C-alpha cells in the first residue's frame, strides 16, 4: 500500500475514533441533564403529594376563613 493510502487510512481511523468520543460526551450530557430534570420533578412531586396528604387529613391550614 502506498504511503498516501496509509495516511488516508490512518486519518479515517483517527476521525472515526474522535467521532465516537464526541458522541459519548453528548450521550453523557443528555444523561446528566435527564437525571437533573427527573430529580427536580421528583422533589416537587413529593412536596405536592405531602401538601395534598396534609389537606386531606385536615393537617393543612385553613381554607381562608378568619377565626
N, C-alpha and C. Protein backbone atom coordinates (compact mmCIF):
# COMPACT_ATOMS: atom_id res chain seq x y z
N UNK A 1 0.86 -1.17 0.00
CA UNK A 1 0.00 0.00 0.00
C UNK A 1 0.91 1.23 0.00
N UNK A 2 0.54 2.24 -0.74
CA UNK A 2 1.36 3.44 -0.83
C UNK A 2 1.28 4.24 0.47
N UNK A 3 2.23 5.11 0.65
CA UNK A 3 2.24 5.94 1.86
C UNK A 3 1.02 6.86 1.91
N UNK A 4 0.59 7.33 0.75
CA UNK A 4 -0.59 8.19 0.70
C UNK A 4 -1.82 7.43 1.19
N UNK A 5 -1.99 6.20 0.72
CA UNK A 5 -3.13 5.39 1.14
C UNK A 5 -3.04 5.07 2.63
N UNK A 6 -1.86 4.79 3.11
CA UNK A 6 -1.68 4.51 4.53
C UNK A 6 -2.06 5.74 5.36
N UNK A 7 -1.66 6.91 4.88
CA UNK A 7 -2.01 8.16 5.58
C UNK A 7 -3.51 8.40 5.59
N UNK A 8 -4.16 8.14 4.46
CA UNK A 8 -5.61 8.32 4.37
C UNK A 8 -6.32 7.35 5.31
N UNK A 9 -5.88 6.11 5.34
CA UNK A 9 -6.49 5.10 6.22
C UNK A 9 -6.30 5.50 7.68
N UNK A 10 -5.11 5.95 8.04
CA UNK A 10 -4.84 6.36 9.42
C UNK A 10 -5.71 7.57 9.79
N UNK A 11 -5.83 8.53 8.89
CA UNK A 11 -6.67 9.71 9.14
C UNK A 11 -8.12 9.30 9.35
N UNK A 12 -8.61 8.39 8.52
CA UNK A 12 -10.00 7.93 8.64
C UNK A 12 -10.24 7.27 9.99
N UNK A 13 -9.30 6.46 10.42
CA UNK A 13 -9.44 5.79 11.72
C UNK A 13 -9.40 6.79 12.87
N UNK A 14 -8.54 7.78 12.77
CA UNK A 14 -8.45 8.79 13.82
C UNK A 14 -9.73 9.61 13.89
N UNK A 15 -10.29 9.98 12.74
CA UNK A 15 -11.54 10.73 12.73
C UNK A 15 -12.68 9.90 13.30
N UNK A 16 -12.71 8.64 12.98
CA UNK A 16 -13.76 7.76 13.48
C UNK A 16 -13.68 7.66 15.00
N UNK A 17 -12.49 7.55 15.53
CA UNK A 17 -12.31 7.47 16.98
C UNK A 17 -12.74 8.76 17.66
N UNK A 18 -12.41 9.89 17.04
CA UNK A 18 -12.82 11.18 17.58
C UNK A 18 -14.33 11.31 17.59
N UNK A 19 -14.96 10.83 16.55
CA UNK A 19 -16.42 10.91 16.46
C UNK A 19 -17.07 10.08 17.58
N UNK A 20 -16.51 8.93 17.87
CA UNK A 20 -17.06 8.09 18.93
C UNK A 20 -16.95 8.81 20.27
N UNK A 21 -15.82 9.46 20.51
CA UNK A 21 -15.64 10.20 21.76
C UNK A 21 -16.64 11.35 21.84
N UNK A 22 -16.84 12.05 20.74
CA UNK A 22 -17.81 13.15 20.73
C UNK A 22 -19.21 12.65 21.05
N UNK A 23 -19.61 11.55 20.44
CA UNK A 23 -20.94 11.00 20.71
C UNK A 23 -21.06 10.53 22.16
N UNK A 24 -19.99 9.98 22.71
CA UNK A 24 -20.02 9.56 24.11
C UNK A 24 -20.21 10.76 25.03
N UNK A 25 -19.54 11.87 24.71
CA UNK A 25 -19.71 13.08 25.52
C UNK A 25 -21.12 13.63 25.41
N UNK A 26 -21.68 13.63 24.22
CA UNK A 26 -23.05 14.11 24.03
C UNK A 26 -24.02 13.21 24.80
N UNK A 27 -23.82 11.91 24.72
CA UNK A 27 -24.67 10.98 25.45
C UNK A 27 -24.59 11.19 26.96
N UNK A 28 -23.39 11.41 27.45
CA UNK A 28 -23.22 11.67 28.89
C UNK A 28 -23.91 12.95 29.32
N UNK A 29 -23.84 13.97 28.46
CA UNK A 29 -24.52 15.23 28.77
C UNK A 29 -26.03 15.05 28.80
N UNK A 30 -26.56 14.30 27.86
CA UNK A 30 -28.00 14.05 27.83
C UNK A 30 -28.44 13.30 29.09
N UNK A 31 -27.66 12.32 29.50
CA UNK A 31 -28.00 11.55 30.72
C UNK A 31 -27.95 12.46 31.94
N UNK A 32 -26.94 13.32 32.03
CA UNK A 32 -26.82 14.21 33.18
C UNK A 32 -28.00 15.19 33.25
N UNK A 33 -28.37 15.76 32.13
CA UNK A 33 -29.50 16.70 32.11
C UNK A 33 -30.80 15.96 32.44
N UNK A 34 -30.98 14.78 31.89
CA UNK A 34 -32.18 14.00 32.18
C UNK A 34 -32.28 13.65 33.66
N UNK A 35 -31.18 13.26 34.26
CA UNK A 35 -31.18 12.91 35.69
C UNK A 35 -31.53 14.13 36.53
N UNK A 36 -30.98 15.28 36.17
CA UNK A 36 -31.28 16.51 36.91
C UNK A 36 -32.76 16.85 36.82
N UNK A 37 -33.32 16.72 35.63
CA UNK A 37 -34.75 17.01 35.45
C UNK A 37 -35.61 16.06 36.27
N UNK A 38 -35.29 14.77 36.23
CA UNK A 38 -36.09 13.79 36.98
C UNK A 38 -35.98 14.01 38.48
N UNK A 39 -34.81 14.38 38.96
CA UNK A 39 -34.64 14.64 40.40
C UNK A 39 -35.48 15.85 40.80
N UNK A 40 -35.43 16.90 39.99
CA UNK A 40 -36.19 18.11 40.29
C UNK A 40 -37.69 17.83 40.27
N UNK A 41 -38.14 17.11 39.25
CA UNK A 41 -39.57 16.78 39.17
C UNK A 41 -39.98 15.90 40.35
N UNK A 42 -39.12 14.95 40.72
CA UNK A 42 -39.43 14.05 41.83
C UNK A 42 -39.55 14.79 43.15
N UNK A 43 -38.65 15.74 43.40
CA UNK A 43 -38.73 16.50 44.65
C UNK A 43 -40.00 17.34 44.70
N UNK A 44 -40.33 17.97 43.59
CA UNK A 44 -41.55 18.80 43.55
C UNK A 44 -42.80 17.93 43.69
N UNK A 45 -42.79 16.76 43.06
CA UNK A 45 -43.95 15.86 43.17
C UNK A 45 -44.12 15.40 44.61
N UNK A 46 -43.03 15.08 45.29
CA UNK A 46 -43.11 14.66 46.69
C UNK A 46 -43.67 15.79 47.56
N UNK A 47 -43.25 17.01 47.29
CA UNK A 47 -43.77 18.16 48.03
C UNK A 47 -45.27 18.34 47.81
N UNK A 48 -45.70 18.24 46.55
CA UNK A 48 -47.13 18.40 46.25
C UNK A 48 -47.96 17.27 46.86
N UNK A 49 -47.44 16.05 46.84
CA UNK A 49 -48.18 14.94 47.44
C UNK A 49 -48.27 15.09 48.95
N UNK A 50 -47.22 15.61 49.57
CA UNK A 50 -47.25 15.88 51.01
C UNK A 50 -48.29 16.94 51.35
N UNK A 51 -48.35 18.00 50.53
CA UNK A 51 -49.37 19.03 50.73
C UNK A 51 -50.78 18.46 50.56
N UNK A 52 -50.95 17.63 49.56
CA UNK A 52 -52.26 17.01 49.33
C UNK A 52 -52.64 16.10 50.50
N UNK A 53 -51.71 15.35 51.00
CA UNK A 53 -51.96 14.47 52.13
C UNK A 53 -52.35 15.30 53.36
N UNK A 54 -51.66 16.40 53.58
CA UNK A 54 -51.98 17.25 54.73
C UNK A 54 -53.37 17.86 54.57
N UNK A 55 -53.73 18.25 53.36
CA UNK A 55 -55.05 18.84 53.13
C UNK A 55 -56.16 17.81 53.33
N UNK A 56 -55.93 16.60 52.88
CA UNK A 56 -56.94 15.55 53.02
C UNK A 56 -57.12 15.14 54.47
N UNK A 57 -56.01 15.04 55.21
CA UNK A 57 -56.09 14.57 56.59
C UNK A 57 -56.47 15.68 57.54
N UNK A 58 -56.63 16.91 57.07
CA UNK A 58 -57.05 18.00 57.93
C UNK A 58 -55.87 18.69 58.60
N UNK A 59 -54.68 18.31 58.29
CA UNK A 59 -53.49 18.92 58.90
C UNK A 59 -53.05 20.18 58.22
N UNK A 60 -53.68 20.50 57.13
CA UNK A 60 -53.29 21.69 56.38
C UNK A 60 -53.85 22.94 57.03
N UNK A 61 -53.53 24.07 56.50
CA UNK A 61 -54.04 25.33 57.01
C UNK A 61 -55.52 25.48 56.71
N UNK A 62 -56.04 26.59 57.10
CA UNK A 62 -57.47 26.84 56.87
C UNK A 62 -57.76 27.11 55.43
N UNK A 63 -59.01 27.23 55.12
CA UNK A 63 -59.43 27.50 53.76
C UNK A 63 -59.69 28.96 53.53
N UNK A 64 -59.00 29.82 54.20
CA UNK A 64 -59.19 31.25 54.02
C UNK A 64 -60.16 31.84 55.02
N UNK A 65 -60.62 31.06 55.98
CA UNK A 65 -61.55 31.55 57.00
C UNK A 65 -60.77 32.27 58.09
N UNK A 66 -61.36 33.30 58.64
CA UNK A 66 -60.72 34.01 59.73
C UNK A 66 -61.35 33.56 61.05
N UNK A 67 -60.57 33.44 62.11
CA UNK A 67 -61.13 32.96 63.40
C UNK A 67 -62.01 33.97 64.06
